N, C-alpha and C. Protein backbone atom coordinates (compact mmCIF):
# COMPACT_ATOMS: atom_id res chain seq x y z
N ASN A 1 0.91 -1.14 0.11
CA ASN A 1 -0.20 0.21 -0.06
C ASN A 1 0.70 1.04 -0.03
N GLY A 2 0.47 2.34 -0.66
CA GLY A 2 1.21 3.63 -0.74
C GLY A 2 0.95 4.27 0.62
N ALA A 3 1.10 5.67 0.66
CA ALA A 3 0.59 6.41 1.56
C ALA A 3 -0.25 7.21 1.31
N GLY A 4 -0.84 7.84 2.49
CA GLY A 4 -2.13 8.71 2.10
C GLY A 4 -2.03 10.09 1.55
N TYR A 5 -1.05 10.63 1.75
CA TYR A 5 -0.42 12.18 1.24
C TYR A 5 0.89 12.05 0.87
N LEU A 6 1.09 12.99 -0.11
CA LEU A 6 2.30 13.11 -0.46
C LEU A 6 2.41 14.70 -1.22
N ASP A 7 3.39 15.29 -0.51
CA ASP A 7 3.77 16.72 -0.98
C ASP A 7 5.08 16.84 -1.16
N VAL A 8 5.53 17.36 -2.06
CA VAL A 8 6.73 17.57 -2.98
C VAL A 8 6.93 18.98 -3.21
N ILE A 9 7.54 19.64 -2.41
CA ILE A 9 8.31 20.79 -2.39
C ILE A 9 9.51 21.25 -3.52
N LEU A 10 9.10 22.17 -4.09
CA LEU A 10 10.23 22.53 -5.05
C LEU A 10 10.76 24.46 -4.52
N ASP A 11 11.86 24.36 -4.09
CA ASP A 11 12.29 25.69 -3.80
C ASP A 11 13.17 26.23 -4.86
N MET A 12 12.82 27.24 -5.65
CA MET A 12 13.73 27.82 -6.22
C MET A 12 13.82 29.07 -5.71
N THR A 13 15.83 29.26 -5.90
CA THR A 13 15.99 30.22 -5.03
C THR A 13 16.90 31.17 -6.01
N VAL A 14 17.40 30.77 -7.19
CA VAL A 14 18.13 31.48 -8.27
C VAL A 14 17.56 30.87 -9.90
N VAL A 15 16.29 31.57 -10.28
CA VAL A 15 15.59 31.34 -11.40
C VAL A 15 16.61 31.84 -12.51
N GLY A 16 16.93 32.98 -12.34
CA GLY A 16 17.65 33.83 -13.65
C GLY A 16 16.68 33.86 -15.02
N THR A 17 17.25 33.30 -15.92
CA THR A 17 16.50 33.03 -16.96
C THR A 17 15.82 31.59 -17.48
N GLY A 18 16.30 30.87 -16.64
CA GLY A 18 15.80 29.40 -16.25
C GLY A 18 14.53 29.17 -15.92
N SER A 19 14.19 27.81 -16.18
CA SER A 19 12.85 27.02 -15.37
C SER A 19 13.01 25.90 -15.21
N VAL A 20 12.26 25.42 -14.15
CA VAL A 20 11.93 23.75 -14.06
C VAL A 20 10.63 23.61 -14.07
N THR A 21 10.29 22.29 -14.45
CA THR A 21 8.97 21.38 -14.43
C THR A 21 9.06 20.35 -13.44
N VAL A 22 8.19 20.38 -12.48
CA VAL A 22 8.03 18.76 -11.46
C VAL A 22 7.05 18.04 -12.16
N THR A 23 7.36 16.76 -12.11
CA THR A 23 6.17 15.77 -12.75
C THR A 23 6.13 14.49 -11.60
N ILE A 24 5.00 14.15 -11.41
CA ILE A 24 4.92 13.33 -10.13
C ILE A 24 4.31 12.04 -11.02
N ASN A 25 5.14 11.09 -10.90
CA ASN A 25 4.71 9.70 -11.44
C ASN A 25 4.45 8.49 -10.74
N GLY A 26 3.52 7.84 -10.85
CA GLY A 26 3.47 6.49 -10.21
C GLY A 26 3.97 5.26 -11.15
N LYS A 27 4.07 4.18 -10.61
CA LYS A 27 4.93 2.78 -10.98
C LYS A 27 3.85 1.98 -10.99
N ASP A 28 3.55 1.13 -12.23
CA ASP A 28 2.59 0.20 -12.57
C ASP A 28 3.35 -1.30 -11.93
N PRO A 29 2.77 -1.59 -10.97
CA PRO A 29 3.29 -3.03 -10.46
C PRO A 29 3.35 -4.20 -11.79
N ALA A 30 2.61 -4.10 -12.19
CA ALA A 30 2.39 -5.38 -13.44
C ALA A 30 3.67 -5.03 -14.67
N SER A 31 3.51 -3.85 -15.36
CA SER A 31 4.01 -3.46 -16.49
C SER A 31 5.59 -2.87 -16.06
N ALA A 32 5.56 -2.42 -14.93
CA ALA A 32 6.75 -1.78 -14.36
C ALA A 32 7.50 -0.24 -15.27
N LYS A 33 5.92 -0.04 -16.01
CA LYS A 33 5.73 1.19 -16.37
C LYS A 33 5.40 2.60 -15.58
N TYR A 34 5.88 3.66 -15.99
CA TYR A 34 5.55 4.94 -15.06
C TYR A 34 4.37 5.36 -15.67
N TYR A 35 3.44 6.04 -15.01
CA TYR A 35 2.31 7.01 -15.60
C TYR A 35 2.08 7.96 -14.85
N ASN A 36 1.85 9.20 -15.24
CA ASN A 36 1.53 10.36 -14.92
C ASN A 36 0.34 10.60 -13.80
N ILE A 37 1.06 11.25 -12.65
CA ILE A 37 -0.16 11.77 -11.67
C ILE A 37 -0.44 13.27 -11.47
N LEU A 38 0.37 13.91 -11.59
CA LEU A 38 0.59 15.22 -11.46
C LEU A 38 1.77 15.98 -12.44
N ALA A 39 1.52 16.81 -12.83
CA ALA A 39 2.36 17.49 -13.97
C ALA A 39 1.96 19.19 -13.60
N GLY A 40 3.58 19.99 -12.98
CA GLY A 40 3.32 21.24 -12.79
C GLY A 40 4.09 22.19 -13.91
N ALA A 41 3.20 23.16 -13.60
CA ALA A 41 3.62 24.44 -14.49
C ALA A 41 5.01 24.52 -14.28
N ALA A 42 5.64 25.17 -15.62
CA ALA A 42 7.01 25.86 -15.68
C ALA A 42 7.13 26.73 -14.55
N VAL A 43 7.77 26.75 -13.55
CA VAL A 43 8.46 27.80 -12.56
C VAL A 43 9.38 28.48 -13.18
N VAL A 44 8.81 29.70 -13.31
CA VAL A 44 10.14 30.69 -13.77
C VAL A 44 10.26 31.86 -12.92
N THR A 45 10.19 31.80 -11.74
CA THR A 45 10.03 32.90 -10.85
C THR A 45 10.96 32.37 -9.36
N ASN A 46 11.50 32.89 -8.56
CA ASN A 46 11.88 32.55 -7.42
C ASN A 46 10.82 32.29 -6.26
N SER A 47 10.36 31.05 -6.16
CA SER A 47 9.50 30.92 -5.05
C SER A 47 9.42 29.48 -4.88
N THR A 48 8.80 29.19 -3.58
CA THR A 48 8.59 27.96 -3.16
C THR A 48 6.99 27.22 -3.48
N ASN A 49 6.99 26.09 -4.29
CA ASN A 49 6.01 25.49 -4.95
C ASN A 49 5.69 24.19 -4.26
N VAL A 50 4.47 23.73 -3.65
CA VAL A 50 4.24 22.46 -3.18
C VAL A 50 3.10 21.83 -4.28
N TYR A 51 3.64 20.82 -4.39
CA TYR A 51 2.65 19.84 -5.34
C TYR A 51 2.07 18.38 -4.37
N ARG A 52 0.63 18.33 -4.38
CA ARG A 52 0.29 17.46 -3.27
C ARG A 52 -0.76 16.81 -4.23
N ILE A 53 -0.57 15.48 -3.56
CA ILE A 53 -1.33 14.14 -3.96
C ILE A 53 -2.05 13.44 -2.40
N GLY A 54 -3.54 13.51 -2.92
CA GLY A 54 -3.97 12.77 -1.73
C GLY A 54 -5.13 12.54 -1.95
N ILE A 55 -6.13 11.29 -1.51
CA ILE A 55 -7.34 11.01 -2.07
C ILE A 55 -8.45 12.05 -1.56
N SER A 56 -8.18 12.77 -0.43
CA SER A 56 -9.35 13.60 -0.41
C SER A 56 -8.93 14.96 -0.66
N ARG A 57 -7.77 15.22 -1.08
CA ARG A 57 -7.57 16.69 -1.41
C ARG A 57 -8.14 17.29 -2.70
N THR A 58 -8.96 18.27 -2.88
CA THR A 58 -9.47 19.08 -3.76
C THR A 58 -8.29 19.16 -5.14
N ALA A 59 -8.94 18.76 -6.00
CA ALA A 59 -7.81 19.08 -7.51
C ALA A 59 -7.64 20.27 -7.88
N VAL A 60 -6.42 20.64 -8.04
CA VAL A 60 -6.13 22.01 -8.65
C VAL A 60 -5.19 21.67 -9.87
N VAL A 61 -5.25 22.08 -10.94
CA VAL A 61 -4.74 22.04 -12.03
C VAL A 61 -3.05 22.35 -11.94
N ASN A 62 -2.10 21.48 -12.25
CA ASN A 62 -0.73 22.05 -12.04
C ASN A 62 -0.22 21.75 -10.37
N ALA A 63 -1.17 21.42 -9.56
CA ALA A 63 -0.69 21.58 -8.17
C ALA A 63 -1.10 20.55 -7.41
N THR A 64 -2.48 20.32 -7.46
CA THR A 64 -3.01 19.18 -6.48
C THR A 64 -3.86 18.23 -7.33
N ALA A 65 -3.62 16.67 -6.76
CA ALA A 65 -4.24 15.64 -7.51
C ALA A 65 -4.93 14.88 -6.45
N ASN A 66 -6.31 14.84 -6.57
CA ASN A 66 -7.23 13.98 -5.73
C ASN A 66 -6.88 12.68 -6.21
N ASP A 67 -5.93 11.99 -5.67
CA ASP A 67 -5.65 10.45 -6.30
C ASP A 67 -5.21 9.85 -5.34
N THR A 68 -4.69 8.45 -5.35
CA THR A 68 -3.96 7.51 -4.10
C THR A 68 -2.32 7.97 -4.51
N VAL A 69 -1.47 7.97 -3.73
CA VAL A 69 -0.04 7.80 -3.79
C VAL A 69 0.48 6.57 -3.48
N PRO A 70 0.78 5.76 -4.88
CA PRO A 70 1.30 4.62 -5.09
C PRO A 70 2.82 4.39 -4.58
N ARG A 71 2.81 2.98 -3.87
CA ARG A 71 3.83 2.51 -3.10
C ARG A 71 4.92 2.89 -3.78
N ILE A 72 5.16 2.76 -5.21
CA ILE A 72 6.44 3.36 -5.96
C ILE A 72 5.95 4.53 -6.86
N PHE A 73 6.78 5.52 -6.33
CA PHE A 73 6.38 7.01 -7.15
C PHE A 73 7.69 7.31 -7.53
N GLN A 74 7.68 8.59 -8.60
CA GLN A 74 9.02 9.23 -9.18
C GLN A 74 8.59 10.58 -9.38
N ILE A 75 9.81 11.35 -8.60
CA ILE A 75 9.57 12.58 -8.89
C ILE A 75 10.65 13.06 -10.19
N VAL A 76 9.90 13.86 -10.98
CA VAL A 76 10.90 13.96 -12.23
C VAL A 76 11.13 15.86 -12.26
N VAL A 77 12.40 16.41 -12.39
CA VAL A 77 12.59 17.84 -12.31
C VAL A 77 13.32 17.95 -13.91
N THR A 78 12.26 18.42 -14.72
CA THR A 78 13.21 19.08 -16.00
C THR A 78 13.45 20.55 -16.18
N ALA A 79 14.69 20.73 -16.30
CA ALA A 79 14.86 21.83 -17.03
C ALA A 79 14.47 22.27 -18.30
N ASN A 80 14.07 23.38 -18.70
CA ASN A 80 13.08 23.57 -19.65
C ASN A 80 14.08 24.29 -20.61
N ASN A 81 15.39 24.63 -20.51
CA ASN A 81 16.18 25.19 -21.05
C ASN A 81 17.62 25.27 -20.68
N VAL A 82 18.52 25.74 -21.42
CA VAL A 82 19.97 25.44 -21.20
C VAL A 82 20.46 26.96 -20.23
N ASN A 83 19.47 27.70 -19.80
CA ASN A 83 19.83 28.67 -18.87
C ASN A 83 20.16 28.01 -17.47
N THR A 84 20.93 28.31 -16.37
CA THR A 84 21.16 28.01 -14.93
C THR A 84 20.09 28.38 -13.88
N ALA A 85 19.72 27.67 -13.01
CA ALA A 85 18.98 27.81 -12.00
C ALA A 85 19.24 27.23 -10.72
N THR A 86 19.11 27.39 -9.97
CA THR A 86 19.22 27.02 -8.49
C THR A 86 18.14 26.83 -7.69
N TYR A 87 18.08 25.26 -7.04
CA TYR A 87 16.61 25.06 -6.99
C TYR A 87 16.85 23.59 -5.93
N SER A 88 15.94 23.54 -4.75
CA SER A 88 15.93 22.20 -4.26
C SER A 88 14.67 21.61 -4.38
N VAL A 89 14.49 19.85 -4.03
CA VAL A 89 13.37 19.20 -4.51
C VAL A 89 13.33 18.49 -2.80
N GLY A 90 12.43 18.37 -2.45
CA GLY A 90 12.20 17.35 -1.22
C GLY A 90 10.63 16.99 -1.24
N TYR A 91 10.46 16.04 -0.19
CA TYR A 91 8.96 15.77 -0.23
C TYR A 91 8.77 14.98 1.24
N ASN A 92 7.44 14.90 1.54
CA ASN A 92 6.95 14.45 2.90
C ASN A 92 5.96 13.24 2.71
N LEU A 93 5.93 12.28 3.02
CA LEU A 93 4.86 11.62 3.03
C LEU A 93 4.12 11.20 4.52
N SER A 94 2.87 10.90 4.31
CA SER A 94 1.93 11.03 5.41
C SER A 94 1.10 9.88 5.32
N ARG A 95 0.61 9.16 6.24
CA ARG A 95 -0.46 8.11 6.15
C ARG A 95 -1.60 8.70 6.09
N GLY A 96 -1.94 9.93 6.71
CA GLY A 96 -3.25 10.57 6.71
C GLY A 96 -4.14 10.11 7.49
């Protein structure tokens, strides 16, 4: 079984002219393929962004998914251009 809630935190500290996008995927145990649960919008400002997944959460496009958190998940951070940016990504899991 997966967790009840997942919060992924992107803290963009030096964006410059760069940008990054966070995507959260779950893993299908039968095929071992990943499927998309939540895709964030490109972050182009110095800011802290929280992406949330949980079965009782109100869905918000690019930010919150009303879905179960799978036992195996993947957090993908994609640099959207060749310009440098400084950021950190972390997550919190809870049973809810």
